[in-house]
């Protein structure tokens, strides 16, 4: 995948930028999609507060993913980020 640079973003129209982002989104896994959604919600203020029950549920789900080995190491994240 080609990475978007600030220079490229500045020269792209909104429609072109959205189309390129859609191409990336079509190829990513659910974990990254959830991260993207959380970032959008945080940026737009639509995330809101969650209940303690929901918070604990999300923690339990995250711990279950870790127990299954579904996580990235620091080194893996650093390597992935160089490809953005």
PDB file of N, CA and C in Angstrom:
ATOM      1  N   UNK A   1       0.819  -1.181   0.000  1.00  0.00           N
ATOM      2  CA  UNK A   1       0.000   0.000   0.000  1.00  0.00           C
ATOM      3  C   UNK A   1       0.866   1.249   0.000  1.00  0.00           C
ATOM      4  N   UNK A   2       0.472   2.225  -0.797  1.00  0.00           N
ATOM      5  CA  UNK A   2       1.178   3.498  -0.759  1.00  0.00           C
ATOM      6  C   UNK A   2       0.691   4.266   0.455  1.00  0.00           C
ATOM      7  N   UNK A   3       1.592   5.007   1.059  1.00  0.00           N
ATOM      8  CA  UNK A   3       1.187   5.807   2.201  1.00  0.00           C
ATOM      9  C   UNK A   3       0.795   7.196   1.735  1.00  0.00           C
ATOM     10  N   UNK A   4      -0.127   7.798   2.492  1.00  0.00           N
ATOM     11  CA  UNK A   4      -0.524   9.172   2.213  1.00  0.00           C
ATOM     12  C   UNK A   4       0.450  10.096   2.907  1.00  0.00           C
ATOM     13  N   UNK A   5       0.954  11.052   2.190  1.00  0.00           N
ATOM     14  CA  UNK A   5       1.812  12.042   2.822  1.00  0.00           C
ATOM     15  C   UNK A   5       1.047  13.347   2.904  1.00  0.00           C
ATOM     16  N   UNK A   6       1.490  14.231   3.774  1.00  0.00           N
ATOM     17  CA  UNK A   6       0.833  15.531   3.885  1.00  0.00           C
ATOM     18  C   UNK A   6       0.868  16.265   2.564  1.00  0.00           C
ATOM     19  N   UNK A   7       1.958  16.129   1.830  1.00  0.00           N
ATOM     20  CA  UNK A   7       2.076  16.791   0.544  1.00  0.00           C
ATOM     21  C   UNK A   7       1.021  16.257  -0.424  1.00  0.00           C
ATOM     22  N   UNK A   8       0.853  14.939  -0.462  1.00  0.00           N
ATOM     23  CA  UNK A   8      -0.148  14.352  -1.346  1.00  0.00           C
ATOM     24  C   UNK A   8      -1.551  14.743  -0.917  1.00  0.00           C
ATOM     25  N   UNK A   9      -1.800  14.759   0.374  1.00  0.00           N
ATOM     26  CA  UNK A   9      -3.122  15.123   0.867  1.00  0.00           C
ATOM     27  C   UNK A   9      -3.474  16.536   0.442  1.00  0.00           C
ATOM     28  N   UNK A  10      -2.495  17.435   0.499  1.00  0.00           N
ATOM     29  CA  UNK A  10      -2.746  18.822   0.158  1.00  0.00           C
ATOM     30  C   UNK A  10      -3.127  19.014  -1.298  1.00  0.00           C
ATOM     31  N   UNK A  11      -2.652  18.139  -2.184  1.00  0.00           N
ATOM     32  CA  UNK A  11      -2.938  18.291  -3.608  1.00  0.00           C
ATOM     33  C   UNK A  11      -4.143  17.473  -4.055  1.00  0.00           C
ATOM     34  N   UNK A  12      -4.671  16.650  -3.188  1.00  0.00           N
ATOM     35  CA  UNK A  12      -5.825  15.822  -3.546  1.00  0.00           C
ATOM     36  C   UNK A  12      -7.118  16.561  -3.252  1.00  0.00           C
ATOM     37  N   UNK A  13      -8.104  16.335  -4.104  1.00  0.00           N
ATOM     38  CA  UNK A  13      -9.424  16.872  -3.801  1.00  0.00           C
ATOM     39  C   UNK A  13     -10.035  16.030  -2.693  1.00  0.00           C
ATOM     40  N   UNK A  14     -11.060  16.531  -2.087  1.00  0.00           N
ATOM     41  CA  UNK A  14     -11.741  15.795  -1.026  1.00  0.00           C
ATOM     42  C   UNK A  14     -12.243  14.444  -1.542  1.00  0.00           C
ATOM     43  N   UNK A  15     -12.794  14.445  -2.736  1.00  0.00           N
ATOM     44  CA  UNK A  15     -13.319  13.201  -3.320  1.00  0.00           C
ATOM     45  C   UNK A  15     -12.201  12.194  -3.563  1.00  0.00           C
ATOM     46  N   UNK A  16     -11.041  12.676  -4.046  1.00  0.00           N
ATOM     47  CA  UNK A  16      -9.903  11.779  -4.288  1.00  0.00           C
ATOM     48  C   UNK A  16      -9.372  11.207  -2.983  1.00  0.00           C
ATOM     49  N   UNK A  17      -9.283  12.057  -1.971  1.00  0.00           N
ATOM     50  CA  UNK A  17      -8.792  11.613  -0.673  1.00  0.00           C
ATOM     51  C   UNK A  17      -9.729  10.563  -0.078  1.00  0.00           C
ATOM     52  N   UNK A  18     -11.026  10.801  -0.146  1.00  0.00           N
ATOM     53  CA  UNK A  18     -12.003   9.838   0.368  1.00  0.00           C
ATOM     54  C   UNK A  18     -11.907   8.515  -0.390  1.00  0.00           C
ATOM     55  N   UNK A  19     -11.744   8.578  -1.702  1.00  0.00           N
ATOM     56  CA  UNK A  19     -11.641   7.347  -2.504  1.00  0.00           C
ATOM     57  C   UNK A  19     -10.411   6.546  -2.102  1.00  0.00           C
ATOM     58  N   UNK A  20      -9.284   7.235  -1.881  1.00  0.00           N
ATOM     59  CA  UNK A  20      -8.070   6.525  -1.492  1.00  0.00           C
ATOM     60  C   UNK A  20      -8.226   5.915  -0.099  1.00  0.00           C
ATOM     61  N   UNK A  21      -8.838   6.654   0.807  1.00  0.00           N
ATOM     62  CA  UNK A  21      -9.068   6.124   2.157  1.00  0.00           C
ATOM     63  C   UNK A  21      -9.971   4.906   2.102  1.00  0.00           C
ATOM     64  N   UNK A  22     -10.998   4.936   1.262  1.00  0.00           N
ATOM     65  CA  UNK A  22     -11.882   3.772   1.116  1.00  0.00           C
ATOM     66  C   UNK A  22     -11.108   2.546   0.637  1.00  0.00           C
ATOM     67  N   UNK A  23     -10.135   2.745  -0.241  1.00  0.00           N
ATOM     68  CA  UNK A  23      -9.327   1.621  -0.709  1.00  0.00           C
ATOM     69  C   UNK A  23      -8.556   0.986   0.442  1.00  0.00           C
ATOM     70  N   UNK A  24      -8.022   1.806   1.334  1.00  0.00           N
ATOM     71  CA  UNK A  24      -7.311   1.278   2.495  1.00  0.00           C
ATOM     72  C   UNK A  24      -8.270   0.547   3.426  1.00  0.00           C
ATOM     73  N   UNK A  25      -9.417   1.148   3.691  1.00  0.00           N
ATOM     74  CA  UNK A  25     -10.381   0.575   4.630  1.00  0.00           C
ATOM     75  C   UNK A  25     -10.862  -0.795   4.150  1.00  0.00           C
ATOM     76  N   UNK A  26     -11.033  -0.941   2.853  1.00  0.00           N
ATOM     77  CA  UNK A  26     -11.496  -2.219   2.303  1.00  0.00           C
ATOM     78  C   UNK A  26     -10.516  -3.357   2.570  1.00  0.00           C
ATOM     79  N   UNK A  27      -9.253  -3.033   2.907  1.00  0.00           N
ATOM     80  CA  UNK A  27      -8.221  -4.060   3.064  1.00  0.00           C
ATOM     81  C   UNK A  27      -7.833  -4.339   4.516  1.00  0.00           C
ATOM     82  N   UNK A  28      -8.354  -3.581   5.473  1.00  0.00           N
ATOM     83  CA  UNK A  28      -7.901  -3.741   6.855  1.00  0.00           C
ATOM     84  C   UNK A  28      -8.796  -4.693   7.640  1.00  0.00           C
ATOM     85  N   UNK A  29      -8.279  -5.154   8.790  1.00  0.00           N
ATOM     86  CA  UNK A  29      -9.041  -6.080   9.621  1.00  0.00           C
ATOM     87  C   UNK A  29      -9.937  -5.318  10.614  1.00  0.00           C
ATOM     88  N   UNK A  30     -10.759  -6.055  11.325  1.00  0.00           N
ATOM     89  CA  UNK A  30     -11.728  -5.458  12.246  1.00  0.00           C
ATOM     90  C   UNK A  30     -11.074  -4.646  13.354  1.00  0.00           C
ATOM     91  N   UNK A  31      -9.899  -5.075  13.808  1.00  0.00           N
ATOM     92  CA  UNK A  31      -9.238  -4.331  14.888  1.00  0.00           C
ATOM     93  C   UNK A  31      -8.894  -2.924  14.444  1.00  0.00           C
ATOM     94  N   UNK A  32      -8.370  -2.788  13.237  1.00  0.00           N
ATOM     95  CA  UNK A  32      -8.027  -1.460  12.745  1.00  0.00           C
ATOM     96  C   UNK A  32      -9.292  -0.654  12.456  1.00  0.00           C
ATOM     97  N   UNK A  33     -10.328  -1.309  11.953  1.00  0.00           N
ATOM     98  CA  UNK A  33     -11.586  -0.604  11.712  1.00  0.00           C
ATOM     99  C   UNK A  33     -12.158  -0.044  13.014  1.00  0.00           C
ATOM    100  N   UNK A  34     -12.078  -0.826  14.090  1.00  0.00           N
ATOM    101  CA  UNK A  34     -12.560  -0.339  15.382  1.00  0.00           C
ATOM    102  C   UNK A  34     -11.734   0.838  15.876  1.00  0.00           C
ATOM    103  N   UNK A  35     -10.434   0.794  15.626  1.00  0.00           N
ATOM    104  CA  UNK A  35      -9.564   1.901  16.010  1.00  0.00           C
ATOM    105  C   UNK A  35      -9.918   3.159  15.217  1.00  0.00           C
ATOM    106  N   UNK A  36     -10.122   3.007  13.917  1.00  0.00           N
ATOM    107  CA  UNK A  36     -10.499   4.140  13.078  1.00  0.00           C
ATOM    108  C   UNK A  36     -11.818   4.733  13.549  1.00  0.00           C
ATOM    109  N   UNK A  37     -12.783   3.880  13.840  1.00  0.00           N
ATOM    110  CA  UNK A  37     -14.078   4.354  14.328  1.00  0.00           C
ATOM    111  C   UNK A  37     -13.926   5.116  15.636  1.00  0.00           C
ATOM    112  N   UNK A  38     -13.119   4.600  16.531  1.00  0.00           N
ATOM    113  CA  UNK A  38     -12.904   5.280  17.813  1.00  0.00           C
ATOM    114  C   UNK A  38     -12.263   6.644  17.601  1.00  0.00           C
ATOM    115  N   UNK A  39     -11.318   6.736  16.665  1.00  0.00           N
ATOM    116  CA  UNK A  39     -10.679   8.018  16.388  1.00  0.00           C
ATOM    117  C   UNK A  39     -11.675   9.013  15.804  1.00  0.00           C
ATOM    118  N   UNK A  40     -12.520   8.556  14.903  1.00  0.00           N
ATOM    119  CA  UNK A  40     -13.523   9.438  14.302  1.00  0.00           C
ATOM    120  C   UNK A  40     -14.510   9.903  15.362  1.00  0.00           C
ATOM    121  N   UNK A  41     -14.966   8.970  16.189  1.00  0.00           N
ATOM    122  CA  UNK A  41     -15.912   9.335  17.239  1.00  0.00           C
ATOM    123  C   UNK A  41     -15.293  10.319  18.226  1.00  0.00           C
ATOM    124  N   UNK A  42     -14.034  10.113  18.561  1.00  0.00           N
ATOM    125  CA  UNK A  42     -13.359  11.033  19.483  1.00  0.00           C
ATOM    126  C   UNK A  42     -13.216  12.408  18.852  1.00  0.00           C
ATOM    127  N   UNK A  43     -12.914  12.446  17.562  1.00  0.00           N
ATOM    128  CA  UNK A  43     -12.721  13.718  16.869  1.00  0.00           C
ATOM    129  C   UNK A  43     -14.032  14.481  16.715  1.00  0.00           C
ATOM    130  N   UNK A  44     -15.118  13.746  16.491  1.00  0.00           N
ATOM    131  CA  UNK A  44     -16.405  14.403  16.271  1.00  0.00           C
ATOM    132  C   UNK A  44     -17.173  14.611  17.570  1.00  0.00           C
ATOM    133  N   UNK A  45     -16.664  14.055  18.664  1.00  0.00           N
ATOM    134  CA  UNK A  45     -17.351  14.203  19.942  1.00  0.00           C
ATOM    135  C   UNK A  45     -18.546  13.281  20.090  1.00  0.00           C
ATOM    136  N   UNK A  46     -18.690  12.314  19.175  1.00  0.00           N
ATOM    137  CA  UNK A  46     -19.849  11.427  19.236  1.00  0.00           C
ATOM    138  C   UNK A  46     -19.609  10.195  20.092  1.00  0.00           C
ATOM    139  N   UNK A  47     -18.381  10.042  20.597  1.00  0.00           N
ATOM    140  CA  UNK A  47     -18.068   8.853  21.388  1.00  0.00           C
ATOM    141  C   UNK A  47     -18.816   8.869  22.705  1.00  0.00           C
ATOM    142  N   UNK A  48     -18.844  10.013  23.349  1.00  0.00           N
ATOM    143  CA  UNK A  48     -19.572  10.119  24.604  1.00  0.00           C
ATOM    144  C   UNK A  48     -18.982   9.241  25.689  1.00  0.00           C
ATOM    145  N   UNK A  49     -19.617   9.262  26.829  1.00  0.00           N
ATOM    146  CA  UNK A  49     -19.186   8.422  27.943  1.00  0.00           C
ATOM    147  C   UNK A  49     -19.865   7.073  27.846  1.00  0.00           C
ATOM    148  N   UNK A  50     -19.190   6.052  28.323  1.00  0.00           N
ATOM    149  CA  UNK A  50     -19.801   4.726  28.352  1.00  0.00           C
ATOM    150  C   UNK A  50     -20.015   4.324  29.801  1.00  0.00           C
ATOM    151  N   UNK A  51     -20.891   3.370  29.979  1.00  0.00           N
ATOM    152  CA  UNK A  51     -21.182   2.895  31.329  1.00  0.00           C
ATOM    153  C   UNK A  51     -20.027   2.049  31.840  1.00  0.00           C
ATOM    154  N   UNK A  52     -19.965   1.872  33.139  1.00  0.00           N
ATOM    155  CA  UNK A  52     -18.927   1.016  33.730  1.00  0.00           C
ATOM    156  C   UNK A  52     -19.091  -0.420  33.237  1.00  0.00           C
ATOM    157  N   UNK A  53     -20.338  -0.825  33.007  1.00  0.00           N
ATOM    158  CA  UNK A  53     -20.591  -2.180  32.496  1.00  0.00           C
ATOM    159  C   UNK A  53     -19.993  -2.345  31.095  1.00  0.00           C
ATOM    160  N   UNK A  54     -20.208  -1.324  30.233  1.00  0.00           N
ATOM    161  CA  UNK A  54     -19.665  -1.378  28.875  1.00  0.00           C
ATOM    162  C   UNK A  54     -18.137  -1.334  28.916  1.00  0.00           C
ATOM    163  N   UNK A  55     -17.606  -0.491  29.780  1.00  0.00           N
ATOM    164  CA  UNK A  55     -16.147  -0.393  29.947  1.00  0.00           C
ATOM    165  C   UNK A  55     -15.563  -1.748  30.335  1.00  0.00           C
ATOM    166  N   UNK A  56     -16.169  -2.396  31.328  1.00  0.00           N
ATOM    167  CA  UNK A  56     -15.682  -3.706  31.772  1.00  0.00           C
ATOM    168  C   UNK A  56     -15.837  -4.766  30.685  1.00  0.00           C
ATOM    169  N   UNK A  57     -16.932  -4.692  29.929  1.00  0.00           N
ATOM    170  CA  UNK A  57     -17.142  -5.631  28.825  1.00  0.00           C
ATOM    171  C   UNK A  57     -16.036  -5.474  27.785  1.00  0.00           C
ATOM    172  N   UNK A  58     -15.703  -4.215  27.442  1.00  0.00           N
ATOM    173  CA  UNK A  58     -14.659  -3.969  26.459  1.00  0.00           C
ATOM    174  C   UNK A  58     -13.295  -4.447  26.962  1.00  0.00           C
ATOM    175  N   UNK A  59     -13.037  -4.259  28.248  1.00  0.00           N
ATOM    176  CA  UNK A  59     -11.791  -4.771  28.829  1.00  0.00           C
ATOM    177  C   UNK A  59     -11.731  -6.286  28.745  1.00  0.00           C
ATOM    178  N   UNK A  60     -12.834  -6.953  29.089  1.00  0.00           N
ATOM    179  CA  UNK A  60     -12.879  -8.414  29.021  1.00  0.00           C
ATOM    180  C   UNK A  60     -12.633  -8.904  27.589  1.00  0.00           C
ATOM    181  N   UNK A  61     -13.264  -8.216  26.624  1.00  0.00           N
ATOM    182  CA  UNK A  61     -13.086  -8.609  25.222  1.00  0.00           C
ATOM    183  C   UNK A  61     -11.634  -8.412  24.782  1.00  0.00           C
ATOM    184  N   UNK A  62     -11.036  -7.304  25.198  1.00  0.00           N
ATOM    185  CA  UNK A  62      -9.646  -7.035  24.842  1.00  0.00           C
ATOM    186  C   UNK A  62      -8.715  -8.081  25.457  1.00  0.00           C
ATOM    187  N   UNK A  63      -8.947  -8.424  26.714  1.00  0.00           N
ATOM    188  CA  UNK A  63      -8.116  -9.435  27.372  1.00  0.00           C
ATOM    189  C   UNK A  63      -8.271 -10.793  26.702  1.00  0.00           C
ATOM    190  N   UNK A  64      -9.490 -11.112  26.246  1.00  0.00           N
ATOM    191  CA  UNK A  64      -9.715 -12.385  25.537  1.00  0.00           C
ATOM    192  C   UNK A  64      -8.930 -12.405  24.229  1.00  0.00           C
ATOM    193  N   UNK A  65      -8.893 -11.268  23.524  1.00  0.00           N
ATOM    194  CA  UNK A  65      -8.121 -11.179  22.284  1.00  0.00           C
ATOM    195  C   UNK A  65      -6.637 -11.389  22.565  1.00  0.00           C
ATOM    196  N   UNK A  66      -6.151 -10.779  23.626  1.00  0.00           N
ATOM    197  CA  UNK A  66      -4.738 -10.940  24.002  1.00  0.00           C
ATOM    198  C   UNK A  66      -4.443 -12.393  24.340  1.00  0.00           C
ATOM    199  N   UNK A  67      -5.340 -13.030  25.101  1.00  0.00           N
ATOM    200  CA  UNK A  67      -5.155 -14.434  25.463  1.00  0.00           C
ATOM    201  C   UNK A  67      -5.098 -15.344  24.231  1.00  0.00           C
ATOM    202  N   UNK A  68      -5.807 -14.957  23.153  1.00  0.00           N
ATOM    203  CA  UNK A  68      -5.807 -15.724  21.908  1.00  0.00           C
ATOM    204  C   UNK A  68      -4.587 -15.406  21.044  1.00  0.00           C
ATOM    205  N   UNK A  69      -3.766 -14.471  21.523  1.00  0.00           N
ATOM    206  CA  UNK A  69      -2.579 -14.096  20.755  1.00  0.00           C
ATOM    207  C   UNK A  69      -2.851 -13.053  19.686  1.00  0.00           C
ATOM    208  N   UNK A  70      -4.018 -12.429  19.740  1.00  0.00           N
ATOM    209  CA  UNK A  70      -4.379 -11.420  18.738  1.00  0.00           C
ATOM    210  C   UNK A  70      -3.958 -10.044  19.225  1.00  0.00           C
ATOM    211  N   UNK A  71      -2.689  -9.765  19.036  1.00  0.00           N
ATOM    212  CA  UNK A  71      -2.145  -8.463  19.390  1.00  0.00           C
ATOM    213  C   UNK A  71      -0.888  -8.242  18.570  1.00  0.00           C
ATOM    214  N   UNK A  72      -0.429  -7.004  18.561  1.00  0.00           N
ATOM    215  CA  UNK A  72       0.802  -6.661  17.867  1.00  0.00           C
ATOM    216  C   UNK A  72       1.854  -6.264  18.892  1.00  0.00           C
ATOM    217  N   UNK A  73       3.091  -6.686  18.655  1.00  0.00           N
ATOM    218  CA  UNK A  73       4.182  -6.265  19.523  1.00  0.00           C
ATOM    219  C   UNK A  73       4.585  -4.838  19.144  1.00  0.00           C
ATOM    220  N   UNK A  74       5.350  -4.207  20.010  1.00  0.00           N
ATOM    221  CA  UNK A  74       5.849  -2.857  19.732  1.00  0.00           C
ATOM    222  C   UNK A  74       6.641  -2.847  18.426  1.00  0.00           C
ATOM    223  N   UNK A  75       7.468  -3.856  18.229  1.00  0.00           N
ATOM    224  CA  UNK A  75       8.276  -3.927  17.019  1.00  0.00           C
ATOM    225  C   UNK A  75       7.400  -4.057  15.773  1.00  0.00           C
ATOM    226  N   UNK A  76       6.340  -4.871  15.866  1.00  0.00           N
ATOM    227  CA  UNK A  76       5.431  -5.028  14.729  1.00  0.00           C
ATOM    228  C   UNK A  76       4.732  -3.713  14.395  1.00  0.00           C
ATOM    229  N   UNK A  77       4.301  -2.991  15.407  1.00  0.00           N
ATOM    230  CA  UNK A  77       3.627  -1.713  15.192  1.00  0.00           C
ATOM    231  C   UNK A  77       4.587  -0.709  14.557  1.00  0.00           C
ATOM    232  N   UNK A  78       5.818  -0.683  15.031  1.00  0.00           N
ATOM    233  CA  UNK A  78       6.802   0.222  14.447  1.00  0.00           C
ATOM    234  C   UNK A  78       7.050  -0.109  12.979  1.00  0.00           C
ATOM    235  N   UNK A  79       7.141  -1.386  12.660  1.00  0.00           N
ATOM    236  CA  UNK A  79       7.344  -1.802  11.282  1.00  0.00           C
ATOM    237  C   UNK A  79       6.130  -1.429  10.435  1.00  0.00           C
ATOM    238  N   UNK A  80       4.928  -1.678  10.947  1.00  0.00           N
ATOM    239  CA  UNK A  80       3.712  -1.334  10.206  1.00  0.00           C
ATOM    240  C   UNK A  80       3.617   0.161   9.970  1.00  0.00           C
ATOM    241  N   UNK A  81       3.973   0.944  10.979  1.00  0.00           N
ATOM    242  CA  UNK A  81       3.832   2.399  10.854  1.00  0.00           C
ATOM    243  C   UNK A  81       4.756   2.964   9.786  1.00  0.00           C
ATOM    244  N   UNK A  82       5.857   2.291   9.509  1.00  0.00           N
ATOM    245  CA  UNK A  82       6.772   2.755   8.465  1.00  0.00           C
ATOM    246  C   UNK A  82       6.163   2.547   7.074  1.00  0.00           C
ATOM    247  N   UNK A  83       5.148   1.713   6.976  1.00  0.00           N
ATOM    248  CA  UNK A  83       4.502   1.431   5.695  1.00  0.00           C
ATOM    249  C   UNK A  83       3.296   2.341   5.447  1.00  0.00           C
ATOM    250  N   UNK A  84       2.968   3.186   6.417  1.00  0.00           N
ATOM    251  CA  UNK A  84       1.807   4.076   6.251  1.00  0.00           C
ATOM    252  C   UNK A  84       2.093   5.190   5.321  1.00  0.00           C
TER     253      UNK A  84
END
